[in-house]
């Protein structure tokens, strides 16, 4: 039982770290898109992909009842 809790905690930390990285990527692409004179379609798609990844991870974190404050 202890091993299961330890693994869950480890993967919860990984999930939160991954969420932070994906959020940073999404913000970066959004800022690039906002600052560009002629928005590139590929950049739009990459930004939307980053957003979709973040939303997916956010839903998973919510399902696991994770809180960043606990970390």
Protein backbone atom coordinates (compact mmCIF):
# COMPACT_ATOMS: atom_id res chain seq x y z
CA UNK A 1 0.00 0.00 0.00
CA UNK A 2 2.84 2.39 0.86
CA UNK A 3 4.46 1.87 -2.57
CA UNK A 4 1.23 2.75 -4.34
CA UNK A 5 0.95 6.04 -2.44
CA UNK A 6 4.59 6.85 -3.13
CA UNK A 7 4.14 6.24 -6.87
CA UNK A 8 0.97 8.30 -6.94
CA UNK A 9 2.72 11.19 -5.21
CA UNK A 10 5.65 10.99 -7.63
CA UNK A 11 3.38 11.05 -10.67
CA UNK A 12 1.33 13.88 -9.19
CA UNK A 13 4.54 15.92 -8.95
CA UNK A 14 5.38 15.06 -12.55
CA UNK A 15 1.90 16.10 -13.66
CA UNK A 16 2.19 19.47 -11.95
CA UNK A 17 5.65 20.06 -13.45
CA UNK A 18 4.39 19.13 -16.90
CA UNK A 19 1.42 21.46 -16.49
CA UNK A 20 3.80 24.31 -15.67
CA UNK A 21 5.93 23.61 -18.74
CA UNK A 22 2.93 23.36 -21.06
CA UNK A 23 1.41 26.55 -19.62
CA UNK A 24 4.69 28.40 -20.18
CA UNK A 25 4.79 27.12 -23.79
CA UNK A 26 1.18 28.17 -24.36
CA UNK A 27 1.82 31.66 -22.95
CA UNK A 28 4.95 32.03 -25.07
CA UNK A 29 3.15 31.10 -28.28
CA UNK A 30 0.21 33.35 -27.41
CA UNK A 31 2.57 36.27 -26.90
CA UNK A 32 4.37 35.55 -30.19
CA UNK A 33 1.03 35.44 -31.99
CA UNK A 34 -0.08 38.68 -30.37
CA UNK A 35 3.13 40.47 -31.32
CA UNK A 36 3.33 39.25 -34.92
CA UNK A 37 2.32 41.51 -37.78
CA UNK A 38 1.08 38.69 -39.96
CA UNK A 39 -0.07 35.78 -37.79
CA UNK A 40 1.14 32.47 -39.16
CA UNK A 41 -1.38 29.63 -39.40
CA UNK A 42 1.15 27.11 -38.10
CA UNK A 43 1.79 29.26 -35.03
CA UNK A 44 -1.97 29.45 -34.40
CA UNK A 45 -2.24 25.67 -34.61
CA UNK A 46 0.71 25.16 -32.27
CA UNK A 47 -0.78 27.61 -29.78
CA UNK A 48 -4.12 25.80 -29.92
CA UNK A 49 -2.34 22.47 -29.47
CA UNK A 50 -0.53 23.78 -26.38
CA UNK A 51 -3.84 25.06 -25.03
CA UNK A 52 -5.52 21.70 -25.63
CA UNK A 53 -2.67 19.87 -23.86
CA UNK A 54 -2.91 22.21 -20.88
CA UNK A 55 -6.69 21.83 -20.63
CA UNK A 56 -6.34 18.04 -20.78
CA UNK A 57 -3.72 18.04 -18.02
CA UNK A 58 -5.80 20.46 -15.96
CA UNK A 59 -8.80 18.13 -16.16
CA UNK A 60 -6.61 15.20 -15.11
CA UNK A 61 -5.27 17.18 -12.15
CA UNK A 62 -8.81 18.11 -11.18
CA UNK A 63 -9.87 14.46 -11.42
CA UNK A 64 -6.97 13.53 -9.10
CA UNK A 65 -7.94 16.41 -6.77
CA UNK A 66 -4.45 17.92 -6.92
CA UNK A 67 -3.56 21.27 -5.49
CA UNK A 68 -0.37 23.19 -6.22
CA UNK A 69 -0.45 24.50 -2.66
CA UNK A 70 0.10 20.96 -1.36
CA UNK A 71 3.29 20.62 -3.37
